[in-house]
C-alpha cells in the first residue's frame, strides 16, 4: 500500500514571487518619494524676504548653489544686497534685489508689482524678515508698535495673500514662514514681536486647512521655532548654527513638508 506524500513546495517559484512583490513595493515607494520631492531648477523663481543676512541669506545661497534658480530678494539693506547678489552669481544663480521698507506695505506691493511684471510668477516664497525691539511694554511708543506689527505681520500677510492668488492661477506654489524662538517662549521685553510672529504661524496653519483640498499642489510649510546661535562657543546639543538651520529648512522645502521642527 503506497503512502500519500504531499508535494514539496516549489521554493524557486516562491522566491521569484517574493522578489517580484518586493520589487513592486520598493518601486512604489521610490515613485512616491520622487513625486513628493520638490523640483527646483534654473527656471524656478524664489522670493525671499530679509535675505541679506542670517537664515534668509543662507537659504538664498543654497538655492543658488544647488539649483541655480532665480533668487529674488525683498529687503531694505541695499549695501548688503550687492554682496549677496555677487555670491548668488558666483554659485551659478541669478539674483535680483528689490528695495522695500516693510514698515510701509505700499513699498512692498510696489516691489511685488515690479517682480511680477518681470517674472510673471513665483514658485517659492520664504518669509525670513522681522524686527524686534527689546523694551518693556510701557516704553513702546505708538510708532514702534505700529512698525513691529507692519513688518512682522501686515506686510508678510499682504504678500502671502497676493502670492496665493498667483499660485492658485498657476496651480502650484510653496509658501514658507521662518519664525523666531521668541514666540515659543513668550520672551519678556519683546512681547509685541512674540505676538505677531505667533499670529502669522496660526494664520498659515488655518490657510493650509482652507486650501489643502481645493489646491493640493500649493504647499504651506510652517517652520517650528528652535534656538539658532551665531558663535561656535554657544553651540549646545539642542541648538543649530545658522547654516544647519538653513539646511534643515531647505530639506523640509524639498520634501514638501507641512512642518519643519
C-alpha atoms as a PDB file:
ATOM      1  CA  UNK A   1       0.000   0.000   0.000  1.00  0.00           C
ATOM      2  CA  UNK A   2       1.558   3.251  -1.104  1.00  0.00           C
ATOM      3  CA  UNK A   3       1.537   6.244   1.204  1.00  0.00           C
ATOM      4  CA  UNK A   4       0.291   9.639   0.084  1.00  0.00           C
ATOM      5  CA  UNK A   5       3.136  12.112   0.015  1.00  0.00           C
ATOM      6  CA  UNK A   6       2.378  15.841  -0.128  1.00  0.00           C
ATOM      7  CA  UNK A   7       4.204  17.561  -2.936  1.00  0.00           C
ATOM      8  CA  UNK A   8       7.102  19.661  -1.730  1.00  0.00           C
ATOM      9  CA  UNK A   9       6.723  23.393  -2.303  1.00  0.00           C
ATOM     10  CA  UNK A  10       8.450  24.870  -5.302  1.00  0.00           C
ATOM     11  CA  UNK A  11      10.803  27.163  -3.401  1.00  0.00           C
ATOM     12  CA  UNK A  12      12.301  28.644  -6.541  1.00  0.00           C
ATOM     13  CA  UNK A  13       8.859  29.830  -7.653  1.00  0.00           C
ATOM     14  CA  UNK A  14       8.107  31.214  -4.200  1.00  0.00           C
ATOM     15  CA  UNK A  15      11.368  33.138  -4.165  1.00  0.00           C
ATOM     16  CA  UNK A  16      10.603  34.577  -7.600  1.00  0.00           C
ATOM     17  CA  UNK A  17       7.163  35.716  -6.452  1.00  0.00           C
ATOM     18  CA  UNK A  18       8.588  37.244  -3.259  1.00  0.00           C
ATOM     19  CA  UNK A  19      11.238  39.041  -5.322  1.00  0.00           C
ATOM     20  CA  UNK A  20       8.606  40.411  -7.704  1.00  0.00           C
ATOM     21  CA  UNK A  21       6.493  41.610  -4.763  1.00  0.00           C
ATOM     22  CA  UNK A  22       9.449  43.303  -3.066  1.00  0.00           C
ATOM     23  CA  UNK A  23      10.469  44.955  -6.332  1.00  0.00           C
ATOM     24  CA  UNK A  24       6.937  46.302  -6.760  1.00  0.00           C
ATOM     25  CA  UNK A  25       6.813  47.623  -3.184  1.00  0.00           C
ATOM     26  CA  UNK A  26      10.230  49.293  -3.485  1.00  0.00           C
ATOM     27  CA  UNK A  27       9.322  50.824  -6.854  1.00  0.00           C
ATOM     28  CA  UNK A  28       6.050  52.116  -5.396  1.00  0.00           C
ATOM     29  CA  UNK A  29       7.771  53.910  -2.507  1.00  0.00           C
ATOM     30  CA  UNK A  30      10.548  55.272  -4.709  1.00  0.00           C
ATOM     31  CA  UNK A  31       7.942  56.678  -7.080  1.00  0.00           C
ATOM     32  CA  UNK A  32       6.028  58.113  -4.130  1.00  0.00           C
ATOM     33  CA  UNK A  33       9.137  59.824  -2.747  1.00  0.00           C
ATOM     34  CA  UNK A  34      10.151  61.144  -6.157  1.00  0.00           C
ATOM     35  CA  UNK A  35       6.700  62.610  -6.597  1.00  0.00           C
ATOM     36  CA  UNK A  36       6.871  64.175  -3.163  1.00  0.00           C
ATOM     37  CA  UNK A  37      10.252  65.836  -3.703  1.00  0.00           C
ATOM     38  CA  UNK A  38      10.041  69.416  -4.885  1.00  0.00           C
ATOM     39  CA  UNK A  39      11.779  70.094  -8.165  1.00  0.00           C
ATOM     40  CA  UNK A  40      13.565  73.434  -8.464  1.00  0.00           C
ATOM     41  CA  UNK A  41      15.613  74.428 -11.499  1.00  0.00           C
ATOM     42  CA  UNK A  42      17.189  77.367 -13.302  1.00  0.00           C
ATOM     43  CA  UNK A  43      13.697  78.468 -14.274  1.00  0.00           C
ATOM     44  CA  UNK A  44      12.346  78.488 -10.708  1.00  0.00           C
ATOM     45  CA  UNK A  45      11.548  81.877  -9.180  1.00  0.00           C
ATOM     46  CA  UNK A  46      12.226  82.032  -5.466  1.00  0.00           C
ATOM     47  CA  UNK A  47      11.248  85.123  -3.474  1.00  0.00           C
ATOM     48  CA  UNK A  48      12.886  85.568  -0.067  1.00  0.00           C
ATOM     49  CA  UNK A  49      12.269  88.420   2.349  1.00  0.00           C
ATOM     50  CA  UNK A  50      15.008  89.520   4.738  1.00  0.00           C
ATOM     51  CA  UNK A  51      17.614  87.560   2.778  1.00  0.00           C
ATOM     52  CA  UNK A  52      20.526  89.965   3.189  1.00  0.00           C
ATOM     53  CA  UNK A  53      21.630  88.236   6.389  1.00  0.00           C
ATOM     54  CA  UNK A  54      21.089  85.272   8.653  1.00  0.00           C
ATOM     55  CA  UNK A  55      18.981  82.268   7.691  1.00  0.00           C
ATOM     56  CA  UNK A  56      17.467  84.072   4.697  1.00  0.00           C
ATOM     57  CA  UNK A  57      20.896  84.642   3.186  1.00  0.00           C
ATOM     58  CA  UNK A  58      21.948  81.018   3.697  1.00  0.00           C
ATOM     59  CA  UNK A  59      18.724  79.806   2.060  1.00  0.00           C
ATOM     60  CA  UNK A  60      19.305  82.119  -0.908  1.00  0.00           C
ATOM     61  CA  UNK A  61      22.814  80.734  -1.372  1.00  0.00           C
ATOM     62  CA  UNK A  62      21.638  77.129  -1.012  1.00  0.00           C
ATOM     63  CA  UNK A  63      19.117  77.525  -3.811  1.00  0.00           C
ATOM     64  CA  UNK A  64      21.685  79.361  -5.934  1.00  0.00           C
ATOM     65  CA  UNK A  65      24.340  76.696  -5.394  1.00  0.00           C
ATOM     66  CA  UNK A  66      22.149  73.609  -5.780  1.00  0.00           C
ATOM     67  CA  UNK A  67      19.519  74.740  -8.289  1.00  0.00           C
ATOM     68  CA  UNK A  68      20.919  77.903  -9.931  1.00  0.00           C
ATOM     69  CA  UNK A  69      17.469  79.401  -9.683  1.00  0.00           C
ATOM     70  CA  UNK A  70      16.240  82.982  -9.963  1.00  0.00           C
ATOM     71  CA  UNK A  71      16.636  84.344  -6.415  1.00  0.00           C
ATOM     72  CA  UNK A  72      14.506  87.444  -5.782  1.00  0.00           C
ATOM     73  CA  UNK A  73      15.353  89.437  -2.660  1.00  0.00           C
ATOM     74  CA  UNK A  74      12.980  91.816  -0.862  1.00  0.00           C
ATOM     75  CA  UNK A  75      14.957  93.786   1.727  1.00  0.00           C
ATOM     76  CA  UNK A  76      15.824  97.311   2.829  1.00  0.00           C
ATOM     77  CA  UNK A  77      19.584  96.697   3.150  1.00  0.00           C
ATOM     78  CA  UNK A  78      20.865  97.664  -0.293  1.00  0.00           C
ATOM     79  CA  UNK A  79      24.502  97.736   0.792  1.00  0.00           C
ATOM     80  CA  UNK A  80      24.443  94.107   1.924  1.00  0.00           C
ATOM     81  CA  UNK A  81      22.366  93.113  -1.094  1.00  0.00           C
ATOM     82  CA  UNK A  82      25.175  93.979  -3.511  1.00  0.00           C
ATOM     83  CA  UNK A  83      27.455  91.422  -1.866  1.00  0.00           C
ATOM     84  CA  UNK A  84      24.705  88.791  -1.750  1.00  0.00           C
ATOM     85  CA  UNK A  85      23.904  89.198  -5.440  1.00  0.00           C
ATOM     86  CA  UNK A  86      27.575  88.709  -6.254  1.00  0.00           C
ATOM     87  CA  UNK A  87      27.650  85.477  -4.225  1.00  0.00           C
ATOM     88  CA  UNK A  88      24.477  84.200  -5.906  1.00  0.00           C
ATOM     89  CA  UNK A  89      26.054  84.838  -9.319  1.00  0.00           C
ATOM     90  CA  UNK A  90      29.278  83.088  -8.251  1.00  0.00           C
ATOM     91  CA  UNK A  91      27.286  79.960  -7.396  1.00  0.00           C
ATOM     92  CA  UNK A  92      25.507  79.962 -10.751  1.00  0.00           C
ATOM     93  CA  UNK A  93      22.186  81.509  -9.745  1.00  0.00           C
ATOM     94  CA  UNK A  94      20.574  84.728 -10.894  1.00  0.00           C
ATOM     95  CA  UNK A  95      19.991  87.320  -8.171  1.00  0.00           C
ATOM     96  CA  UNK A  96      17.565  90.247  -8.177  1.00  0.00           C
ATOM     97  CA  UNK A  97      17.131  92.845  -5.463  1.00  0.00           C
ATOM     98  CA  UNK A  98      14.053  94.964  -4.820  1.00  0.00           C
ATOM     99  CA  UNK A  99      14.482  97.558  -2.118  1.00  0.00           C
ATOM    100  CA  UNK A 100      11.409  97.935   0.051  1.00  0.00           C
ATOM    101  CA  UNK A 101      10.568  99.104   3.531  1.00  0.00           C
ATOM    102  CA  UNK A 102       8.374  96.590   5.323  1.00  0.00           C
ATOM    103  CA  UNK A 103       7.160  99.353   7.623  1.00  0.00           C
ATOM    104  CA  UNK A 104       5.312 100.629   4.549  1.00  0.00           C
ATOM    105  CA  UNK A 105       3.276  97.909   2.853  1.00  0.00           C
ATOM    106  CA  UNK A 106       2.851 100.179  -0.182  1.00  0.00           C
ATOM    107  CA  UNK A 107       6.566  99.824  -0.997  1.00  0.00           C
ATOM    108  CA  UNK A 108       6.238  96.062  -0.630  1.00  0.00           C
ATOM    109  CA  UNK A 109       3.318  95.989  -3.047  1.00  0.00           C
ATOM    110  CA  UNK A 110       5.277  98.153  -5.480  1.00  0.00           C
ATOM    111  CA  UNK A 111       8.216  95.741  -5.317  1.00  0.00           C
ATOM    112  CA  UNK A 112       5.871  92.797  -5.881  1.00  0.00           C
ATOM    113  CA  UNK A 113       4.276  94.504  -8.887  1.00  0.00           C
ATOM    114  CA  UNK A 114       7.736  95.082 -10.391  1.00  0.00           C
ATOM    115  CA  UNK A 115       8.668  91.463  -9.715  1.00  0.00           C
ATOM    116  CA  UNK A 116       5.553  90.048 -11.350  1.00  0.00           C
ATOM    117  CA  UNK A 117       5.941  92.371 -14.327  1.00  0.00           C
ATOM    118  CA  UNK A 118       9.370  90.830 -14.938  1.00  0.00           C
ATOM    119  CA  UNK A 119       8.874  87.199 -13.850  1.00  0.00           C
ATOM    120  CA  UNK A 120       5.066  86.718 -14.087  1.00  0.00           C
ATOM    121  CA  UNK A 121       5.058  84.003 -11.421  1.00  0.00           C
ATOM    122  CA  UNK A 122       6.634  82.902  -8.139  1.00  0.00           C
ATOM    123  CA  UNK A 123       7.293  79.243  -7.351  1.00  0.00           C
ATOM    124  CA  UNK A 124       8.505  79.587  -3.770  1.00  0.00           C
ATOM    125  CA  UNK A 125       8.031  82.339  -1.187  1.00  0.00           C
ATOM    126  CA  UNK A 126      10.134  82.273   2.001  1.00  0.00           C
ATOM    127  CA  UNK A 127       9.483  84.876   4.694  1.00  0.00           C
ATOM    128  CA  UNK A 128      12.525  85.305   6.961  1.00  0.00           C
ATOM    129  CA  UNK A 129      12.298  89.029   7.672  1.00  0.00           C
ATOM    130  CA  UNK A 130      11.449  90.512  11.035  1.00  0.00           C
ATOM    131  CA  UNK A 131      12.012  93.297  13.539  1.00  0.00           C
ATOM    132  CA  UNK A 132      12.207  93.066  17.321  1.00  0.00           C
ATOM    133  CA  UNK A 133      12.745  95.909  19.791  1.00  0.00           C
ATOM    134  CA  UNK A 134      13.811  94.962  23.287  1.00  0.00           C
ATOM    135  CA  UNK A 135      11.991  97.120  25.807  1.00  0.00           C
ATOM    136  CA  UNK A 136       9.171  96.865  28.314  1.00  0.00           C
ATOM    137  CA  UNK A 137       5.552  97.284  27.305  1.00  0.00           C
ATOM    138  CA  UNK A 138       5.115 100.801  28.696  1.00  0.00           C
ATOM    139  CA  UNK A 139       8.268 102.051  26.979  1.00  0.00           C
ATOM    140  CA  UNK A 140       6.989 101.385  23.445  1.00  0.00           C
ATOM    141  CA  UNK A 141       5.763 104.433  21.584  1.00  0.00           C
ATOM    142  CA  UNK A 142       2.841 104.083  19.168  1.00  0.00           C
ATOM    143  CA  UNK A 143       5.113 104.335  16.122  1.00  0.00           C
ATOM    144  CA  UNK A 144       7.277 101.450  17.333  1.00  0.00           C
ATOM    145  CA  UNK A 145       4.260  99.241  17.988  1.00  0.00           C
ATOM    146  CA  UNK A 146       2.912 100.030  14.533  1.00  0.00           C
ATOM    147  CA  UNK A 147       6.298  99.267  12.911  1.00  0.00           C
ATOM    148  CA  UNK A 148       6.600  95.857  14.593  1.00  0.00           C
ATOM    149  CA  UNK A 149       3.081  94.877  13.531  1.00  0.00           C
ATOM    150  CA  UNK A 150       3.596  96.195   9.998  1.00  0.00           C
ATOM    151  CA  UNK A 151       6.964  94.491   9.449  1.00  0.00           C
ATOM    152  CA  UNK A 152       6.254  91.155  11.106  1.00  0.00           C
ATOM    153  CA  UNK A 153       2.572  90.641  10.334  1.00  0.00           C
ATOM    154  CA  UNK A 154       0.836  93.057   7.976  1.00  0.00           C
ATOM    155  CA  UNK A 155       3.342  93.236   5.119  1.00  0.00           C
ATOM    156  CA  UNK A 156       4.024  89.456   5.048  1.00  0.00           C
ATOM    157  CA  UNK A 157       0.274  88.763   5.208  1.00  0.00           C
ATOM    158  CA  UNK A 158      -0.378  91.060   2.250  1.00  0.00           C
ATOM    159  CA  UNK A 159       2.428  89.389   0.312  1.00  0.00           C
ATOM    160  CA  UNK A 160       1.045  85.925   1.074  1.00  0.00           C
ATOM    161  CA  UNK A 161      -2.447  86.987   0.000  1.00  0.00           C
ATOM    162  CA  UNK A 162      -1.218  88.323  -3.352  1.00  0.00           C
ATOM    163  CA  UNK A 163       1.119  85.407  -3.988  1.00  0.00           C
ATOM    164  CA  UNK A 164      -1.559  82.862  -3.110  1.00  0.00           C
ATOM    165  CA  UNK A 165      -3.713  84.286  -5.902  1.00  0.00           C
ATOM    166  CA  UNK A 166      -0.797  83.885  -8.326  1.00  0.00           C
ATOM    167  CA  UNK A 167      -0.086  80.339  -7.144  1.00  0.00           C
ATOM    168  CA  UNK A 168      -3.720  79.325  -7.495  1.00  0.00           C
ATOM    169  CA  UNK A 169      -3.708  80.591 -11.085  1.00  0.00           C
ATOM    170  CA  UNK A 170      -0.532  78.639 -11.906  1.00  0.00           C
ATOM    171  CA  UNK A 171      -1.841  75.594  -9.979  1.00  0.00           C
ATOM    172  CA  UNK A 172       1.332  75.217  -7.927  1.00  0.00           C
ATOM    173  CA  UNK A 173       3.464  77.029  -5.374  1.00  0.00           C
ATOM    174  CA  UNK A 174       5.037  76.893  -1.962  1.00  0.00           C
ATOM    175  CA  UNK A 175       4.835  79.323   0.965  1.00  0.00           C
ATOM    176  CA  UNK A 176       7.255  79.107   3.911  1.00  0.00           C
ATOM    177  CA  UNK A 177       7.431  81.161   7.093  1.00  0.00           C
ATOM    178  CA  UNK A 178      10.567  81.092   9.230  1.00  0.00           C
ATOM    179  CA  UNK A 179       9.726  82.183  12.803  1.00  0.00           C
ATOM    180  CA  UNK A 180      11.751  83.008  15.866  1.00  0.00           C
ATOM    181  CA  UNK A 181      12.185  81.033  19.076  1.00  0.00           C
ATOM    182  CA  UNK A 182      10.832  84.006  20.990  1.00  0.00           C
ATOM    183  CA  UNK A 183       7.167  83.347  20.271  1.00  0.00           C
ATOM    184  CA  UNK A 184       7.502  79.834  21.648  1.00  0.00           C
ATOM    185  CA  UNK A 185       8.795  81.064  24.994  1.00  0.00           C
ATOM    186  CA  UNK A 186       6.949  84.429  25.050  1.00  0.00           C
ATOM    187  CA  UNK A 187      10.196  86.201  25.809  1.00  0.00           C
ATOM    188  CA  UNK A 188       9.865  89.273  28.013  1.00  0.00           C
ATOM    189  CA  UNK A 189      10.583  92.774  26.696  1.00  0.00           C
ATOM    190  CA  UNK A 190       9.769  91.787  23.098  1.00  0.00           C
ATOM    191  CA  UNK A 191       6.172  90.767  23.705  1.00  0.00           C
ATOM    192  CA  UNK A 192       4.790  92.507  20.603  1.00  0.00           C
ATOM    193  CA  UNK A 193       7.217  90.679  18.357  1.00  0.00           C
ATOM    194  CA  UNK A 194       6.300  87.368  20.017  1.00  0.00           C
ATOM    195  CA  UNK A 195       2.606  88.042  19.482  1.00  0.00           C
ATOM    196  CA  UNK A 196       2.716  88.981  15.821  1.00  0.00           C
ATOM    197  CA  UNK A 197       5.096  86.145  14.869  1.00  0.00           C
ATOM    198  CA  UNK A 198       2.791  83.665  16.606  1.00  0.00           C
ATOM    199  CA  UNK A 199      -0.169  85.212  14.770  1.00  0.00           C
ATOM    200  CA  UNK A 200       1.314  84.622  11.326  1.00  0.00           C
ATOM    201  CA  UNK A 201       2.024  80.981  12.177  1.00  0.00           C
ATOM    202  CA  UNK A 202      -1.599  80.454  13.228  1.00  0.00           C
ATOM    203  CA  UNK A 203      -2.807  82.252  10.101  1.00  0.00           C
ATOM    204  CA  UNK A 204      -0.760  79.943   7.866  1.00  0.00           C
ATOM    205  CA  UNK A 205      -1.989  76.852   9.706  1.00  0.00           C
ATOM    206  CA  UNK A 206      -5.578  77.972   9.110  1.00  0.00           C
ATOM    207  CA  UNK A 207      -4.807  78.824   5.473  1.00  0.00           C
ATOM    208  CA  UNK A 208      -3.286  75.381   4.981  1.00  0.00           C
ATOM    209  CA  UNK A 209      -6.554  73.796   6.142  1.00  0.00           C
ATOM    210  CA  UNK A 210      -8.505  76.073   3.807  1.00  0.00           C
ATOM    211  CA  UNK A 211      -6.654  75.141   0.604  1.00  0.00           C
ATOM    212  CA  UNK A 212      -5.463  71.573   1.195  1.00  0.00           C
ATOM    213  CA  UNK A 213      -8.437  70.047  -0.651  1.00  0.00           C
ATOM    214  CA  UNK A 214      -9.129  72.673  -3.299  1.00  0.00           C
ATOM    215  CA  UNK A 215      -5.466  73.357  -4.158  1.00  0.00           C
ATOM    216  CA  UNK A 216      -3.362  70.337  -3.164  1.00  0.00           C
ATOM    217  CA  UNK A 217      -0.431  71.465  -5.337  1.00  0.00           C
ATOM    218  CA  UNK A 218       0.141  74.526  -3.143  1.00  0.00           C
ATOM    219  CA  UNK A 219       2.266  73.697  -0.109  1.00  0.00           C
ATOM    220  CA  UNK A 220       2.428  75.751   3.073  1.00  0.00           C
ATOM    221  CA  UNK A 221       5.341  74.967   5.371  1.00  0.00           C
ATOM    222  CA  UNK A 222       5.455  76.269   8.919  1.00  0.00           C
ATOM    223  CA  UNK A 223       8.910  76.116  10.479  1.00  0.00           C
ATOM    224  CA  UNK A 224       8.726  75.432  14.193  1.00  0.00           C
ATOM    225  CA  UNK A 225      10.964  77.643  16.319  1.00  0.00           C
ATOM    226  CA  UNK A 226      14.350  76.487  17.500  1.00  0.00           C
ATOM    227  CA  UNK A 227      17.438  78.033  19.052  1.00  0.00           C
ATOM    228  CA  UNK A 228      19.889  79.365  16.474  1.00  0.00           C
ATOM    229  CA  UNK A 229      23.316  80.578  17.581  1.00  0.00           C
ATOM    230  CA  UNK A 230      25.879  82.655  15.726  1.00  0.00           C
ATOM    231  CA  UNK A 231      29.061  81.629  17.573  1.00  0.00           C
ATOM    232  CA  UNK A 232      30.615  78.137  17.851  1.00  0.00           C
ATOM    233  CA  UNK A 233      31.114  78.684  21.586  1.00  0.00           C
ATOM    234  CA  UNK A 234      27.313  78.958  22.005  1.00  0.00           C
ATOM    235  CA  UNK A 235      26.595  75.555  20.442  1.00  0.00           C
ATOM    236  CA  UNK A 236      24.673  73.033  22.545  1.00  0.00           C
ATOM    237  CA  UNK A 237      23.020  69.669  21.692  1.00  0.00           C
ATOM    238  CA  UNK A 238      19.646  71.397  21.202  1.00  0.00           C
ATOM    239  CA  UNK A 239      20.934  74.342  19.145  1.00  0.00           C
ATOM    240  CA  UNK A 240      21.669  74.939  15.480  1.00  0.00           C
ATOM    241  CA  UNK A 241      24.106  77.149  13.650  1.00  0.00           C
ATOM    242  CA  UNK A 242      22.601  79.435  11.020  1.00  0.00           C
ATOM    243  CA  UNK A 243      23.879  77.137   8.254  1.00  0.00           C
ATOM    244  CA  UNK A 244      22.485  73.993   9.935  1.00  0.00           C
ATOM    245  CA  UNK A 245      19.100  75.651  10.459  1.00  0.00           C
ATOM    246  CA  UNK A 246      19.002  76.814   6.831  1.00  0.00           C
ATOM    247  CA  UNK A 247      19.801  73.297   5.604  1.00  0.00           C
ATOM    248  CA  UNK A 248      17.078  71.853   7.822  1.00  0.00           C
ATOM    249  CA  UNK A 249      14.540  74.274   6.339  1.00  0.00           C
ATOM    250  CA  UNK A 250      15.860  73.628   2.823  1.00  0.00           C
ATOM    251  CA  UNK A 251      15.421  69.863   3.252  1.00  0.00           C
ATOM    252  CA  UNK A 252      11.889  70.409   4.539  1.00  0.00           C
ATOM    253  CA  UNK A 253      11.037  72.527   1.495  1.00  0.00           C
ATOM    254  CA  UNK A 254      12.331  69.863  -0.895  1.00  0.00           C
ATOM    255  CA  UNK A 255      10.337  67.202   0.955  1.00  0.00           C
ATOM    256  CA  UNK A 256       7.189  69.307   0.689  1.00  0.00           C
ATOM    257  CA  UNK A 257       6.823  69.152   4.461  1.00  0.00           C
ATOM    258  CA  UNK A 258       3.844  70.776   6.156  1.00  0.00           C
ATOM    259  CA  UNK A 259       6.021  71.484   9.173  1.00  0.00           C
ATOM    260  CA  UNK A 260       9.740  71.612   9.895  1.00  0.00           C
ATOM    261  CA  UNK A 261      10.618  71.017  13.529  1.00  0.00           C
END
